[in-house]
């Protein structure tokens, strides 16, 4: 596995790049907007393709690089379902998986620093964002933070991992780069408590100043989604109009989401599954989507979770000369809100 830890000296933020291999798929965690050029250069040098960009929470001390990375690479943006960000491609729940080639992160909902904080774990390491720092923990006094929630997240989730699990935090202010769960349990002064009330007393007495860029960063980080102004109105279909087309032979619904999303949230009846990460292969000459789109009488109606991936896919298809496709506004989320019918893949049925 390719693994890089990168540091922003202004916000003291750690950003992590993971890839399965050279010329393989990559993901990035907590990118900083000012460093996007560096990330892109590094990925070119390592010959990896960015597939997913993840934020552990809405940051207050820097502006996220998610939007610029999406625009530069057409990657999938990922955050927790509790995030109040206007739009990301994929929202995860506690226990969900985030997958790229040969790498699977487990999402762990860990509110406390903020109400949308997540950690992301591999079998041997965990990326803790601001939930757990090296010899410290994330403050809990803004963005709907809660010392009691933080205690529960730390002691009943994160610290339950094996002691040899590597800890890679979202920030460090002393120059440390990595720790372990065992080290933090033994030496982190904020964890030497016997109750949630004891922990709350420590956190409530910190009296820390607000981050310098908080008034700029938080509003900016809440509007990182693919702008509606970027959507082509001639190639967008409302859920209400799309519902009328279910069962029409002239319209083929194309589901761009991953299988885990389909199992969790359901599918539009009769839709064909073509995951977004395979789009470029499918629209090449000889690809399945290219073959279907070659029929001028066949309309392709692309949909995803919220509409971001379908708009990115439409741009990719139009650049490839495939023009008889539209995107479902609002994705499956808009479809459900409009009362559209749902089916579920066989995997969901097997799970009961």
Protein backbone atom coordinates (compact mmCIF):
# COMPACT_ATOMS: atom_id res chain seq x y z
CA UNK A 1 0.00 0.00 0.00
CA UNK A 2 1.16 3.52 -0.79
CA UNK A 3 0.77 5.77 2.25
CA UNK A 4 1.71 9.43 2.63
CA UNK A 5 1.22 11.78 5.58
CA UNK A 6 1.31 15.45 4.56
CA UNK A 7 1.38 18.52 6.79
CA UNK A 8 0.03 22.05 6.47
CA UNK A 9 2.18 24.33 8.63
CA UNK A 10 -0.47 27.09 8.80
CA UNK A 11 -3.37 25.07 10.25
CA UNK A 12 -1.22 22.22 11.61
CA UNK A 13 -3.41 19.82 9.63
CA UNK A 14 -2.38 16.32 8.62
CA UNK A 15 -3.67 15.07 5.28
CA UNK A 16 -3.40 11.40 4.32
CA UNK A 17 -3.07 9.82 0.89
CA UNK A 18 -3.66 6.09 0.51
CA UNK A 19 -3.40 4.03 -2.66
CA UNK A 20 -3.41 0.33 -3.38
CA UNK A 21 -0.42 0.42 -5.74
CA UNK A 22 1.30 2.47 -8.43
CA UNK A 23 -1.11 3.14 -11.31
CA UNK A 24 -3.92 2.19 -8.92
CA UNK A 25 -6.77 3.91 -7.13
CA UNK A 26 -6.23 6.41 -4.32
CA UNK A 27 -8.16 8.24 -1.61
CA UNK A 28 -7.30 11.30 0.43
CA UNK A 29 -8.40 12.29 3.94
CA UNK A 30 -8.78 15.89 5.18
CA UNK A 31 -7.23 17.82 2.28
CA UNK A 32 -6.41 21.54 2.70
CA UNK A 33 -7.36 23.83 -0.18
CA UNK A 34 -4.00 25.63 -0.32
CA UNK A 35 -2.24 22.27 -0.76
CA UNK A 36 -4.35 20.92 -3.63
CA UNK A 37 -1.64 21.66 -6.19
CA UNK A 38 0.85 19.68 -4.10
CA UNK A 39 -1.54 16.73 -3.80
CA UNK A 40 -2.14 16.66 -7.55
CA UNK A 41 1.58 16.77 -8.28
CA UNK A 42 2.28 13.99 -5.80
CA UNK A 43 -0.44 11.78 -7.26
CA UNK A 44 0.97 12.34 -10.73
CA UNK A 45 4.44 11.41 -9.51
CA UNK A 46 3.11 8.29 -7.79
CA UNK A 47 0.98 7.47 -10.84
CA UNK A 48 -2.24 7.02 -8.87
CA UNK A 49 -5.80 8.06 -9.68
CA UNK A 50 -7.78 9.87 -7.00
CA UNK A 51 -11.10 8.12 -6.57
CA UNK A 52 -12.36 9.51 -3.25
CA UNK A 53 -11.75 12.56 -1.08
CA UNK A 54 -12.92 12.39 2.54
CA UNK A 55 -13.39 14.97 5.30
CA UNK A 56 -13.64 13.73 8.87
CA UNK A 57 -15.91 16.69 9.78
CA UNK A 58 -16.66 20.30 8.89
CA UNK A 59 -13.36 21.99 9.70
CA UNK A 60 -13.10 25.34 11.51
CA UNK A 61 -9.37 26.03 11.11
CA UNK A 62 -8.88 25.60 7.36
CA UNK A 63 -10.84 25.48 4.13
CA UNK A 64 -11.25 21.98 2.78
CA UNK A 65 -9.76 20.91 -0.53
CA UNK A 66 -12.66 18.57 -1.33
CA UNK A 67 -14.32 20.86 -3.87
CA UNK A 68 -11.13 21.71 -5.79
CA UNK A 69 -10.03 18.07 -5.87
CA UNK A 70 -13.46 17.04 -7.18
CA UNK A 71 -13.31 19.67 -9.90
CA UNK A 72 -9.74 18.73 -10.87
CA UNK A 73 -10.10 14.94 -10.81
CA UNK A 74 -13.89 14.26 -10.77
CA UNK A 75 -13.39 12.18 -7.64
CA UNK A 76 -16.18 11.19 -5.25
CA UNK A 77 -16.47 13.45 -2.18
CA UNK A 78 -17.35 11.72 1.10
CA UNK A 79 -18.54 12.87 4.52
CA UNK A 80 -20.70 11.54 7.34
CA UNK A 81 -24.47 11.62 6.96
CA UNK A 82 -24.72 14.03 9.91
CA UNK A 83 -22.71 16.72 8.11
CA UNK A 84 -24.59 19.91 7.22
CA UNK A 85 -22.49 20.47 4.09
CA UNK A 86 -24.68 21.43 1.13
CA UNK A 87 -23.65 18.46 -1.01
CA UNK A 88 -21.13 15.67 -1.23
CA UNK A 89 -21.21 12.68 -3.55
CA UNK A 90 -21.51 10.10 -0.80
CA UNK A 91 -22.64 10.24 2.82
CA UNK A 92 -21.72 7.41 5.17
CA UNK A 93 -23.24 6.07 8.35
CA UNK A 94 -21.53 4.53 11.35
CA UNK A 95 -20.19 1.12 10.28
CA UNK A 96 -20.29 1.79 6.52
CA UNK A 97 -17.34 0.93 4.31
CA UNK A 98 -15.45 3.27 1.99
CA UNK A 99 -13.69 1.23 -0.64
CA UNK A 100 -11.11 1.67 -3.33
CA UNK A 101 -9.01 -1.02 -4.97
CA UNK A 102 -7.79 -3.40 -2.21
CA UNK A 103 -8.42 -0.83 0.55
CA UNK A 104 -11.50 -0.69 2.78
CA UNK A 105 -11.99 2.00 5.42
CA UNK A 106 -14.61 1.51 8.12
CA UNK A 107 -16.54 4.63 9.05
CA UNK A 108 -16.92 5.24 12.79
CA UNK A 109 -19.30 7.98 13.95
CA UNK A 110 -17.55 9.78 16.79
CA UNK A 111 -19.41 12.98 17.74
CA UNK A 112 -17.99 15.24 20.41
CA UNK A 113 -15.52 17.61 18.78
CA UNK A 114 -18.38 18.42 16.41
CA UNK A 115 -21.72 16.74 15.90
CA UNK A 116 -20.60 15.39 12.51
CA UNK A 117 -17.17 13.98 13.44
CA UNK A 118 -16.09 10.64 12.03
CA UNK A 119 -13.00 8.46 12.33
CA UNK A 120 -11.97 6.06 9.56
CA UNK A 121 -10.23 2.78 10.32
CA UNK A 122 -8.12 0.17 8.57
CA UNK A 123 -7.27 -3.11 10.33
CA UNK A 124 -3.94 -1.72 11.59
CA UNK A 125 -4.60 2.03 11.91
CA UNK A 126 -7.23 4.68 12.47
CA UNK A 127 -7.51 8.21 11.12
CA UNK A 128 -9.02 10.09 14.03
CA UNK A 129 -9.57 13.60 12.68
CA UNK A 130 -10.01 15.86 15.72
CA UNK A 131 -11.59 13.16 17.88
CA UNK A 132 -8.31 11.81 19.29
CA UNK A 133 -5.03 13.69 19.03
CA UNK A 134 -1.57 12.62 20.16
CA UNK A 135 -1.58 13.24 23.93
CA UNK A 136 -4.70 15.31 23.51
CA UNK A 137 -8.29 15.33 22.23
CA UNK A 138 -10.37 17.66 20.12
CA UNK A 139 -12.02 20.63 21.82
CA UNK A 140 -15.78 20.39 22.30
CA UNK A 141 -16.91 24.00 22.71
CA UNK A 142 -18.23 24.90 19.22
CA UNK A 143 -20.08 23.45 16.20
CA UNK A 144 -22.50 21.57 18.46
CA UNK A 145 -19.64 19.87 20.26
CA UNK A 146 -20.28 17.91 23.44
CA UNK A 147 -17.84 16.71 26.08
CA UNK A 148 -20.21 13.90 27.06
CA UNK A 149 -20.52 12.75 23.45
CA UNK A 150 -16.74 12.96 23.06
CA UNK A 151 -16.23 10.75 26.12
CA UNK A 152 -18.62 8.15 24.73
CA UNK A 153 -16.94 8.25 21.31
CA UNK A 154 -13.48 7.89 22.81
CA UNK A 155 -14.03 5.35 25.56
CA UNK A 156 -16.76 3.24 23.98
CA UNK A 157 -15.54 3.26 20.38
CA UNK A 158 -12.03 4.48 19.54
CA UNK A 159 -10.24 3.18 22.63
CA UNK A 160 -11.89 -0.23 22.22
CA UNK A 161 -9.58 -0.89 19.26
CA UNK A 162 -6.50 -3.11 19.84
CA UNK A 163 -3.68 -1.36 21.69
CA UNK A 164 -1.27 -1.73 18.75
CA UNK A 165 -3.62 0.15 16.38
CA UNK A 166 -1.75 3.10 14.91
CA UNK A 167 -3.31 6.52 15.53
CA UNK A 168 -3.02 9.12 12.77
CA UNK A 169 -4.66 12.37 13.94
CA UNK A 170 -6.04 15.26 11.94
CA UNK A 171 -3.74 17.78 13.65
CA UNK A 172 -0.64 18.01 15.76
CA UNK A 173 0.87 21.14 17.29
CA UNK A 174 4.05 19.64 18.79
CA UNK A 175 5.63 17.80 15.85
CA UNK A 176 4.39 14.29 16.66
CA UNK A 177 3.23 12.26 13.67
CA UNK A 178 1.81 8.94 14.92
CA UNK A 179 0.85 7.16 18.12
CA UNK A 180 -1.00 4.01 19.11
CA UNK A 181 -4.20 3.32 21.00
CA UNK A 182 -2.16 1.74 23.80
CA UNK A 183 0.09 4.79 24.12
CA UNK A 184 -2.84 7.16 24.28
CA UNK A 185 -4.65 5.09 26.88
CA UNK A 186 -1.50 5.10 29.02
CA UNK A 187 -0.11 8.60 28.50
CA UNK A 188 -2.79 10.94 27.14
CA UNK A 189 -3.59 13.21 30.13
CA UNK A 190 -7.16 13.84 29.01
CA UNK A 191 -7.91 10.13 29.05
CA UNK A 192 -6.89 9.57 32.66
CA UNK A 193 -10.45 9.97 33.89
CA UNK A 194 -12.98 7.64 35.45
CA UNK A 195 -16.24 9.12 34.15
CA UNK A 196 -17.83 11.31 31.51
CA UNK A 197 -18.33 14.02 34.13
CA UNK A 198 -14.60 14.03 34.93
CA UNK A 199 -13.80 14.34 31.24
CA UNK A 200 -16.31 17.17 30.83
CA UNK A 201 -14.70 19.09 33.70
CA UNK A 202 -11.33 18.97 31.91
CA UNK A 203 -12.76 20.05 28.57
CA UNK A 204 -14.99 22.77 30.01
CA UNK A 205 -12.01 24.38 31.77
CA UNK A 206 -9.80 24.76 28.69
CA UNK A 207 -11.03 28.25 27.71
CA UNK A 208 -9.38 28.10 24.30
CA UNK A 209 -9.64 30.97 21.78
CA UNK A 210 -11.59 30.32 18.59
CA UNK A 211 -9.53 29.23 15.56
CA UNK A 212 -8.28 32.29 13.68
CA UNK A 213 -10.00 31.33 10.42
CA UNK A 214 -13.21 29.99 11.96
CA UNK A 215 -15.46 32.78 10.64
CA UNK A 216 -14.15 32.14 7.13
CA UNK A 217 -13.57 28.39 7.15
CA UNK A 218 -16.88 27.11 8.52
CA UNK A 219 -19.13 28.99 6.04
CA UNK A 220 -16.81 28.05 3.16
CA UNK A 221 -16.78 24.41 4.21
CA UNK A 222 -20.58 24.24 4.26
CA UNK A 223 -20.91 25.07 0.54
CA UNK A 224 -18.41 22.78 -1.15
CA UNK A 225 -20.97 20.85 -3.20
CA UNK A 226 -21.22 20.73 -6.96
CA UNK A 227 -23.07 23.94 -7.77
CA UNK A 228 -26.54 23.75 -9.26
CA UNK A 229 -25.32 26.40 -11.68
CA UNK A 230 -22.94 23.79 -13.10
CA UNK A 231 -25.79 21.44 -13.95
CA UNK A 232 -26.97 21.49 -17.55
CA UNK A 233 -30.70 22.32 -17.40
CA UNK A 234 -31.23 20.64 -20.79
CA UNK A 235 -29.82 17.40 -19.36
CA UNK A 236 -31.47 17.34 -15.93
CA UNK A 237 -34.72 15.63 -15.01
CA UNK A 238 -36.74 16.32 -11.87
CA UNK A 239 -37.77 13.36 -9.71
CA UNK A 240 -41.43 14.00 -10.53
CA UNK A 241 -40.76 13.74 -14.27
CA UNK A 242 -38.47 10.77 -13.78
CA UNK A 243 -41.13 8.84 -11.84
CA UNK A 244 -43.36 9.04 -14.92
CA UNK A 245 -40.69 7.29 -16.98
CA UNK A 246 -40.38 4.14 -14.88
CA UNK A 247 -41.20 1.19 -17.10
CA UNK A 248 -40.73 3.09 -20.39
CA UNK A 249 -38.54 1.12 -22.78
CA UNK A 250 -37.17 4.38 -24.19
CA UNK A 251 -35.65 5.35 -20.82
CA UNK A 252 -32.93 3.34 -19.12
CA UNK A 253 -32.13 4.29 -15.51
CA UNK A 254 -28.39 4.02 -14.81
CA UNK A 255 -27.39 3.73 -11.13
CA UNK A 256 -23.92 5.21 -10.53
CA UNK A 257 -23.73 4.41 -6.82
CA UNK A 258 -21.73 1.71 -5.11
CA UNK A 259 -23.31 -1.58 -4.12
CA UNK A 260 -23.29 -0.72 -0.41
CA UNK A 261 -25.35 2.40 -1.11
CA UNK A 262 -27.84 0.42 -3.20
CA UNK A 263 -28.26 -2.17 -0.45
CA UNK A 264 -28.69 0.50 2.21
CA UNK A 265 -30.94 2.99 0.40
CA UNK A 266 -32.69 1.02 -2.35
CA UNK A 267 -32.77 1.36 -6.14
CA UNK A 268 -35.09 2.67 -8.81
CA UNK A 269 -36.99 -0.33 -10.25
CA UNK A 270 -35.48 -1.67 -13.45
CA UNK A 271 -32.29 0.36 -13.21
CA UNK A 272 -28.93 -0.90 -14.44
CA UNK A 273 -25.96 -0.75 -12.10
CA UNK A 274 -22.86 0.91 -13.59
CA UNK A 275 -20.72 2.28 -10.73
CA UNK A 276 -19.28 5.75 -11.23
CA UNK A 277 -15.73 4.54 -10.63
CA UNK A 278 -16.03 2.36 -13.76
CA UNK A 279 -17.51 5.14 -15.90
CA UNK A 280 -14.44 5.85 -18.01
CA UNK A 281 -14.10 2.21 -19.04
CA UNK A 282 -17.83 2.01 -19.82
CA UNK A 283 -17.85 5.06 -22.12
CA UNK A 284 -14.76 4.11 -24.11
CA UNK A 285 -15.33 2.69 -27.60
CA UNK A 286 -16.53 -0.85 -27.03
CA UNK A 287 -17.69 -0.08 -23.49
CA UNK A 288 -21.16 -1.06 -22.34
CA UNK A 289 -22.44 2.47 -21.81
CA UNK A 290 -20.99 3.61 -25.12
CA UNK A 291 -22.78 0.76 -26.87
CA UNK A 292 -26.12 1.57 -25.25
CA UNK A 293 -25.74 5.28 -25.96
CA UNK A 294 -25.08 4.58 -29.63
CA UNK A 295 -28.83 4.02 -30.04
CA UNK A 296 -30.24 7.55 -30.59
CA UNK A 297 -33.71 6.42 -29.47
CA UNK A 298 -32.45 5.25 -26.08
CA UNK A 299 -32.42 7.87 -23.31
CA UNK A 300 -30.04 7.24 -20.43
CA UNK A 301 -31.15 8.68 -17.08
CA UNK A 302 -28.20 8.71 -14.68
CA UNK A 303 -28.70 8.85 -10.94
CA UNK A 304 -26.58 8.69 -7.81
CA UNK A 305 -27.11 9.62 -4.16
CA UNK A 306 -27.61 13.40 -4.38
CA UNK A 307 -26.84 14.42 -7.96
CA UNK A 308 -23.14 15.24 -7.83
CA UNK A 309 -21.81 12.06 -9.45
CA UNK A 310 -24.44 12.15 -12.19
CA UNK A 311 -23.44 15.70 -13.15
CA UNK A 312 -19.76 14.79 -13.20
CA UNK A 313 -20.59 11.69 -15.27
CA UNK A 314 -22.62 13.76 -17.75
CA UNK A 315 -19.64 16.04 -18.35
CA UNK A 316 -17.43 13.02 -18.91
CA UNK A 317 -19.92 11.46 -21.33
CA UNK A 318 -20.44 14.68 -23.27
CA UNK A 319 -16.68 15.04 -23.67
CA UNK A 320 -16.68 11.49 -25.08
CA UNK A 321 -19.40 12.42 -27.59
CA UNK A 322 -22.27 10.65 -25.80
CA UNK A 323 -25.09 13.18 -25.68
CA UNK A 324 -28.34 11.25 -25.15
CA UNK A 325 -28.07 11.14 -21.34
CA UNK A 326 -29.66 13.15 -18.52
CA UNK A 327 -29.13 13.30 -14.79
CA UNK A 328 -31.73 12.87 -12.04
CA UNK A 329 -31.83 16.08 -9.99
CA UNK A 330 -31.30 15.34 -6.32
CA UNK A 331 -30.41 11.71 -6.95
CA UNK A 332 -32.07 8.86 -5.06
CA UNK A 333 -32.51 11.26 -2.13
CA UNK A 334 -34.76 13.49 -4.26
CA UNK A 335 -36.49 10.42 -5.70
CA UNK A 336 -37.42 9.14 -2.24
CA UNK A 337 -38.64 12.57 -1.13
CA UNK A 338 -40.85 12.72 -4.23
CA UNK A 339 -42.41 9.36 -3.36
CA UNK A 340 -40.72 7.34 -6.11
CA UNK A 341 -40.95 3.53 -5.92
CA UNK A 342 -37.98 1.52 -4.62
CA UNK A 343 -36.63 -1.97 -5.03
CA UNK A 344 -33.75 -3.54 -3.10
CA UNK A 345 -30.86 -5.65 -4.38
CA UNK A 346 -30.76 -9.32 -3.51
CA UNK A 347 -27.99 -8.72 -0.94
CA UNK A 348 -30.41 -6.66 1.17
CA UNK A 349 -33.00 -9.43 1.00
CA UNK A 350 -30.45 -12.02 2.14
CA UNK A 351 -29.61 -9.87 5.14
CA UNK A 352 -33.26 -9.91 6.17
